[in-house]
Amino acid sequence: MQHIAFSRPGRFWRGNLHTHSTRSDGALPPEEVCRRYEEAGYDFLCLSDHLIGRYGYPITDTRDYRSNRFTTILGAEVHSGTLSNGEIWHILAVGLPEDFERPNQPDFTPHAEGESAGALARRCVEAGAYVAMAHPEWYAMTAADGATIGAAHAVEIYNHGCVVGAARGSGIGIWDALLNEGRRLTACATDDAHFTEPDHFGGWVMVKAEANEPDALVAALREGAYYATTGPEIHDLRIDGGVIHVTCSPAERVIALGAGAANEARHGKAMGRAEIPLTDRIAKGGWVRIVLDDAAGRRAWSNPIWLDD
């Protein structure tokens, strides 16, 4: 059994899914944001400005900034409804069409006449977008909150801007809690770059697709054919003969995780591969995911292998 990110045809493309420009609360105009990501070696970018009335409900058109080696995906960070703590929802929608019907959300404050966040997320998915619950730790999102966004594909489990600016950039606990409740969710790492501080080039996704084109990339994201990273690379992930086989860039530790407290680790210096038994304890929840760390403390996360597949 090979993870879909490694079994499907194509190659890996590096991209950032969460970024802002002067069309909302970013410091740089869209053209400059795209230029910087292309010069930094990224293959693609989603410029996800805030879809609220304060900024004119932008789905920022970045098509003019594509090149032979760099592409852009239209999208937005959408808002409607509130968490249980009263904070307004932040939902990442990658691959929104320009004619997407805007929510009734004038600003970053709760708006009683707006639709629910769950309904908005569902509309984004139905419009063809890949949808992720953004920066859970940053605004104290709970698993109960996450359960209301039933249409989401993913949880943002690393947000570089929130790490740099607030020391609250994780979504691991929410992701695992929802996985433990039976949700088939993937996870992404992003920048959430505003270019107002060193909040860029810190977390990204590696997406497996046959072409560096928006439709192919969004389809792969929706299918879970990618992994998240702050640096390390995962080259292969498969289960064979009751053993989890991982091939990767040099790593200091490779950890297999299952439901609850299930885990098994391998430690070493510059490991390029690891073999971990798929124990009954790890397998009992129906899924297993991999985390690996390199010598610099950078981390990569696989999406789950669903064992019933």
Protein backbone atom coordinates (compact mmCIF):
# COMPACT_ATOMS: atom_id res chain seq x y z
CA MET A 1 0.00 0.00 0.00
CA GLN A 2 1.63 3.23 -1.18
CA HIS A 3 0.50 6.70 -0.14
CA ILE A 4 -1.34 8.50 -2.95
CA ALA A 5 1.21 11.33 -2.94
CA PHE A 6 3.83 8.85 -4.12
CA SER A 7 1.76 6.45 -6.21
CA ARG A 8 -0.03 8.91 -8.48
CA PRO A 9 1.74 10.04 -11.70
CA GLY A 10 3.60 13.34 -11.98
CA ARG A 11 6.23 15.12 -9.93
CA PHE A 12 6.29 17.24 -6.81
CA TRP A 13 5.70 21.00 -7.02
CA ARG A 14 6.52 23.36 -4.16
CA GLY A 15 3.88 25.94 -3.27
CA ASN A 16 2.53 28.33 -0.66
CA LEU A 17 -1.24 28.35 -0.21
CA HIS A 18 -1.73 31.29 2.19
CA THR A 19 -0.42 34.77 1.38
CA HIS A 20 -1.65 38.37 1.45
CA SER A 21 -1.03 41.51 -0.57
CA THR A 22 -2.09 45.16 -0.58
CA ARG A 23 -5.46 43.96 -1.89
CA SER A 24 -6.17 43.21 1.78
CA ASP A 25 -3.78 43.56 4.76
CA GLY A 26 -0.43 42.68 3.16
CA ALA A 27 2.45 45.11 2.73
CA LEU A 28 3.35 44.39 -0.91
CA PRO A 29 1.36 44.59 -4.16
CA PRO A 30 0.35 41.30 -5.79
CA GLU A 31 2.96 41.50 -8.54
CA GLU A 32 5.80 41.88 -6.02
CA VAL A 33 4.52 39.06 -3.81
CA CYS A 34 4.44 36.72 -6.81
CA ARG A 35 7.89 37.86 -7.96
CA ARG A 36 9.43 37.14 -4.57
CA TYR A 37 7.98 33.65 -4.38
CA GLU A 38 9.12 32.84 -7.89
CA GLU A 39 12.63 34.14 -7.15
CA ALA A 40 12.69 32.06 -3.95
CA GLY A 41 12.27 28.92 -6.05
CA TYR A 42 8.59 28.19 -5.51
CA ASP A 43 6.66 26.56 -8.33
CA PHE A 44 3.28 28.06 -7.43
CA LEU A 45 1.49 30.46 -5.11
CA CYS A 46 -2.06 31.14 -3.98
CA LEU A 47 -2.52 34.80 -3.08
CA SER A 48 -5.34 34.44 -0.54
CA ASP A 49 -6.44 37.96 0.34
CA HIS A 50 -9.22 38.42 2.90
CA LEU A 51 -12.67 38.13 1.31
CA ILE A 52 -14.43 40.81 3.35
CA GLY A 53 -16.18 44.06 2.57
CA ARG A 54 -13.46 46.25 4.08
CA TYR A 55 -11.23 45.31 1.13
CA GLY A 56 -13.91 45.08 -1.55
CA TYR A 57 -14.24 41.28 -1.37
CA PRO A 58 -11.12 40.55 -3.46
CA ILE A 59 -10.31 37.32 -5.23
CA THR A 60 -6.99 38.72 -6.40
CA ASP A 61 -6.30 38.06 -10.08
CA THR A 62 -2.67 36.89 -10.33
CA ARG A 63 -2.83 35.32 -13.79
CA ASP A 64 -0.63 38.02 -15.33
CA TYR A 65 2.21 37.02 -12.99
CA ARG A 66 2.53 33.46 -14.24
CA SER A 67 5.57 32.40 -16.22
CA ASN A 68 6.92 29.29 -17.94
CA ARG A 69 8.09 27.89 -14.58
CA PHE A 70 5.80 29.57 -12.05
CA THR A 71 2.03 29.53 -11.76
CA THR A 72 -0.60 31.05 -9.50
CA ILE A 73 -3.89 29.76 -8.13
CA LEU A 74 -6.79 32.10 -7.48
CA GLY A 75 -8.18 31.90 -3.97
CA ALA A 76 -9.03 33.77 -0.80
CA GLU A 77 -9.18 33.60 2.97
CA VAL A 78 -12.92 33.61 3.56
CA HIS A 79 -14.79 34.65 6.68
CA SER A 80 -18.27 34.14 8.11
CA GLY A 81 -19.72 32.95 11.38
CA THR A 82 -17.87 32.68 14.69
CA LEU A 83 -15.97 30.16 16.74
CA SER A 84 -17.30 29.20 20.16
CA ASN A 85 -15.05 31.90 21.68
CA GLY A 86 -16.59 34.64 19.52
CA GLU A 87 -13.70 34.99 17.05
CA ILE A 88 -14.66 35.24 13.39
CA TRP A 89 -13.79 32.18 11.30
CA HIS A 90 -10.74 32.17 8.97
CA ILE A 91 -11.03 29.55 6.22
CA LEU A 92 -8.53 29.08 3.40
CA ALA A 93 -10.09 28.44 -0.02
CA VAL A 94 -7.57 27.62 -2.77
CA GLY A 95 -8.97 27.52 -6.28
CA LEU A 96 -12.01 29.80 -5.97
CA PRO A 97 -13.48 31.00 -9.26
CA GLU A 98 -13.64 34.76 -9.80
CA ASP A 99 -17.44 34.69 -9.91
CA PHE A 100 -17.77 32.99 -6.52
CA GLU A 101 -20.73 34.53 -4.67
CA ARG A 102 -19.26 36.65 -1.89
CA PRO A 103 -20.37 36.10 1.71
CA ASN A 104 -22.06 38.93 3.56
CA GLN A 105 -19.09 39.76 5.81
CA PRO A 106 -18.28 43.50 6.00
CA ASP A 107 -15.28 43.27 8.35
CA PHE A 108 -13.36 41.08 10.81
CA THR A 109 -16.10 41.42 13.42
CA PRO A 110 -19.04 39.02 13.82
CA HIS A 111 -21.96 39.77 11.51
CA ALA A 112 -25.32 38.35 12.55
CA GLU A 113 -26.74 38.37 9.02
CA GLY A 114 -23.94 36.29 7.53
CA GLU A 115 -24.10 32.58 6.69
CA SER A 116 -22.56 29.95 8.93
CA ALA A 117 -18.90 29.08 8.47
CA GLY A 118 -19.90 25.51 7.67
CA ALA A 119 -22.20 26.66 4.88
CA LEU A 120 -19.54 28.98 3.46
CA ALA A 121 -16.92 26.23 3.47
CA ARG A 122 -19.36 23.93 1.71
CA ARG A 123 -20.01 26.53 -1.00
CA CYS A 124 -16.25 26.90 -1.52
CA VAL A 125 -15.85 23.14 -1.93
CA GLU A 126 -18.80 22.97 -4.31
CA ALA A 127 -17.19 25.77 -6.35
CA GLY A 128 -14.11 23.57 -6.81
CA ALA A 129 -11.80 24.88 -4.08
CA TYR A 130 -9.52 23.04 -1.70
CA VAL A 131 -10.57 24.18 1.78
CA ALA A 132 -8.49 24.26 4.96
CA MET A 133 -9.22 25.48 8.48
CA ALA A 134 -6.62 28.21 9.02
CA HIS A 135 -4.26 28.68 12.00
CA PRO A 136 -6.27 26.86 14.71
CA GLU A 137 -3.90 27.62 17.57
CA TRP A 138 -3.63 31.32 16.74
CA TYR A 139 -7.24 32.04 17.69
CA ALA A 140 -7.94 29.16 20.08
CA MET A 141 -10.07 27.07 17.78
CA THR A 142 -11.37 23.87 19.42
CA ALA A 143 -12.07 20.44 18.00
CA ALA A 144 -15.77 21.13 18.56
CA ASP A 145 -15.41 24.21 16.35
CA GLY A 146 -13.66 22.13 13.70
CA ALA A 147 -16.45 19.58 13.73
CA THR A 148 -18.84 22.25 12.40
CA ILE A 149 -16.80 22.66 9.18
CA GLY A 150 -17.78 19.33 7.72
CA ALA A 151 -16.83 20.10 4.11
CA ALA A 152 -13.19 21.02 4.80
CA HIS A 153 -10.42 18.99 3.22
CA ALA A 154 -7.67 19.95 5.63
CA VAL A 155 -6.33 21.63 8.74
CA GLU A 156 -3.51 24.16 8.56
CA ILE A 157 -1.06 22.43 10.91
CA TYR A 158 1.84 24.87 10.49
CA ASN A 159 1.42 28.62 9.91
CA HIS A 160 4.78 30.37 9.68
CA GLY A 161 3.41 33.87 10.21
CA CYS A 162 1.68 32.79 13.40
CA VAL A 163 4.87 31.09 14.61
CA VAL A 164 6.94 34.22 13.97
CA GLY A 165 4.43 36.80 15.14
CA ALA A 166 2.45 35.09 17.87
CA ALA A 167 4.19 31.80 18.81
CA ARG A 168 0.84 30.13 18.04
CA GLY A 169 1.31 28.48 14.69
CA SER A 170 0.31 24.84 15.19
CA GLY A 171 -2.81 22.91 14.29
CA ILE A 172 -1.54 19.44 15.20
CA GLY A 173 -3.80 18.95 18.22
CA ILE A 174 -6.93 19.90 16.30
CA TRP A 175 -5.95 17.70 13.35
CA ASP A 176 -5.35 14.66 15.54
CA ALA A 177 -8.51 15.26 17.56
CA LEU A 178 -10.61 15.35 14.39
CA LEU A 179 -8.82 12.32 12.94
CA ASN A 180 -9.58 10.49 16.17
CA GLU A 181 -13.25 11.35 15.69
CA GLY A 182 -13.22 9.73 12.24
CA ARG A 183 -12.73 12.80 10.01
CA ARG A 184 -10.66 12.05 6.90
CA LEU A 185 -8.67 15.28 6.93
CA THR A 186 -5.33 16.15 5.40
CA ALA A 187 -2.98 18.89 6.62
CA CYS A 188 -1.06 21.77 5.08
CA ALA A 189 1.86 23.99 6.08
CA THR A 190 1.75 27.62 4.93
CA ASP A 191 3.36 31.03 5.36
CA ASP A 192 0.33 33.31 5.83
CA ALA A 193 2.81 35.91 4.60
CA HIS A 194 2.01 39.62 4.93
CA PHE A 195 5.62 40.78 4.48
CA THR A 196 5.31 42.99 7.55
CA GLU A 197 7.74 40.74 9.46
CA PRO A 198 9.86 37.67 8.54
CA ASP A 199 6.71 35.63 7.92
CA HIS A 200 7.58 34.20 4.51
CA PHE A 201 9.35 31.15 3.01
CA GLY A 202 8.89 29.12 6.20
CA GLY A 203 6.23 26.47 5.54
CA TRP A 204 4.93 24.98 2.30
CA VAL A 205 3.32 22.02 0.58
CA MET A 206 4.82 19.61 -1.93
CA VAL A 207 2.03 18.63 -4.32
CA LYS A 208 2.21 15.67 -6.69
CA ALA A 209 0.69 16.50 -10.08
CA GLU A 210 1.39 15.86 -13.73
CA ALA A 211 1.63 19.57 -14.54
CA ASN A 212 2.32 22.81 -12.71
CA GLU A 213 -1.11 24.11 -13.65
CA PRO A 214 -3.83 25.44 -11.32
CA ASP A 215 -6.48 22.81 -12.08
CA ALA A 216 -4.03 19.92 -11.70
CA LEU A 217 -2.61 21.30 -8.45
CA VAL A 218 -6.02 21.94 -6.87
CA ALA A 219 -7.23 18.47 -7.87
CA ALA A 220 -4.16 16.92 -6.23
CA LEU A 221 -4.68 18.97 -3.08
CA ARG A 222 -8.31 17.89 -2.85
CA GLU A 223 -7.22 14.25 -3.25
CA GLY A 224 -4.54 14.54 -0.54
CA ALA A 225 -1.66 13.93 -2.95
CA TYR A 226 0.82 16.14 -1.12
CA TYR A 227 2.80 16.53 2.07
CA ALA A 228 3.57 19.52 4.31
CA THR A 229 7.04 20.65 5.30
CA THR A 230 9.31 23.35 6.68
CA GLY A 231 12.30 21.84 4.87
CA PRO A 232 12.71 18.02 4.87
CA GLU A 233 11.59 15.99 1.90
CA ILE A 234 9.60 12.76 1.90
CA HIS A 235 10.49 10.66 -1.13
CA ASP A 236 8.27 7.64 -0.53
CA LEU A 237 5.81 6.28 2.03
CA ARG A 238 4.33 2.81 1.82
CA ILE A 239 3.19 -0.13 3.93
CA ASP A 240 4.39 -3.58 2.93
CA GLY A 241 4.32 -6.79 4.93
CA GLY A 242 3.17 -5.07 8.10
CA VAL A 243 6.03 -2.56 7.96
CA ILE A 244 5.88 1.20 7.29
CA HIS A 245 8.65 2.11 4.84
CA VAL A 246 9.79 5.75 4.66
CA THR A 247 12.37 7.20 2.26
CA CYS A 248 13.38 10.80 2.86
CA SER A 249 16.05 13.49 2.89
CA PRO A 250 18.56 13.11 5.79
CA ALA A 251 16.56 12.90 9.01
CA GLU A 252 17.36 12.60 12.71
CA ARG A 253 14.06 10.98 13.62
CA VAL A 254 11.12 9.41 11.82
CA ILE A 255 7.93 8.84 13.80
CA ALA A 256 4.81 6.89 12.87
CA LEU A 257 1.65 8.05 14.61
CA GLY A 258 -1.81 6.53 14.91
CA ALA A 259 -4.94 7.33 16.86
CA GLY A 260 -4.77 8.35 20.49
CA ALA A 261 -1.26 8.01 21.93
CA ALA A 262 -0.04 5.43 19.41
CA ASN A 263 3.47 6.14 18.13
CA GLU A 264 6.73 4.45 17.19
CA ALA A 265 9.98 6.29 16.45
CA ARG A 266 13.31 5.63 14.78
CA HIS A 267 16.34 7.80 15.63
CA GLY A 268 19.69 8.20 13.91
CA LYS A 269 22.04 10.51 12.07
CA ALA A 270 21.26 11.55 8.50
CA MET A 271 18.81 8.70 7.98
CA GLY A 272 17.60 8.45 4.42
CA ARG A 273 15.17 5.67 5.17
CA ALA A 274 13.35 4.12 8.08
CA GLU A 275 11.32 0.98 8.66
CA ILE A 276 8.71 1.00 11.44
CA PRO A 277 6.40 -1.91 12.28
CA LEU A 278 2.72 -1.25 11.77
CA THR A 279 1.73 -2.43 15.23
CA ASP A 280 -1.83 -3.24 16.18
CA ARG A 281 -1.80 -0.19 18.44
CA ILE A 282 -0.90 2.16 15.59
CA ALA A 283 -3.30 0.49 13.17
CA LYS A 284 -6.36 0.30 15.41
CA GLY A 285 -7.58 3.82 14.55
CA GLY A 286 -7.62 3.07 10.82
CA TRP A 287 -4.93 5.55 9.84
CA VAL A 288 -1.22 6.21 10.20
CA ARG A 289 0.79 9.34 9.48
CA ILE A 290 4.52 10.11 9.47
CA VAL A 291 6.49 12.99 10.95
CA LEU A 292 10.21 13.46 10.36
CA ASP A 293 12.74 15.98 11.66
CA ASP A 294 16.15 16.94 10.28
CA ALA A 295 19.30 18.05 12.13
CA ALA A 296 18.24 21.72 11.91
CA GLY A 297 14.93 21.01 13.68
CA ARG A 298 12.87 21.42 10.53
CA ARG A 299 9.89 19.10 10.14
CA ALA A 300 7.81 17.35 7.48
CA TRP A 301 4.36 15.79 7.92
CA SER A 302 2.76 13.19 5.67
CA ASN A 303 -0.97 13.04 5.21
CA PRO A 304 -2.57 9.91 6.65
CA ILE A 305 -2.57 6.55 4.96
CA TRP A 306 -6.13 5.32 5.38
CA LEU A 307 -5.74 1.64 6.19
CA ASP A 308 -9.22 0.70 4.97
CA ASP A 309 -8.18 1.81 1.46
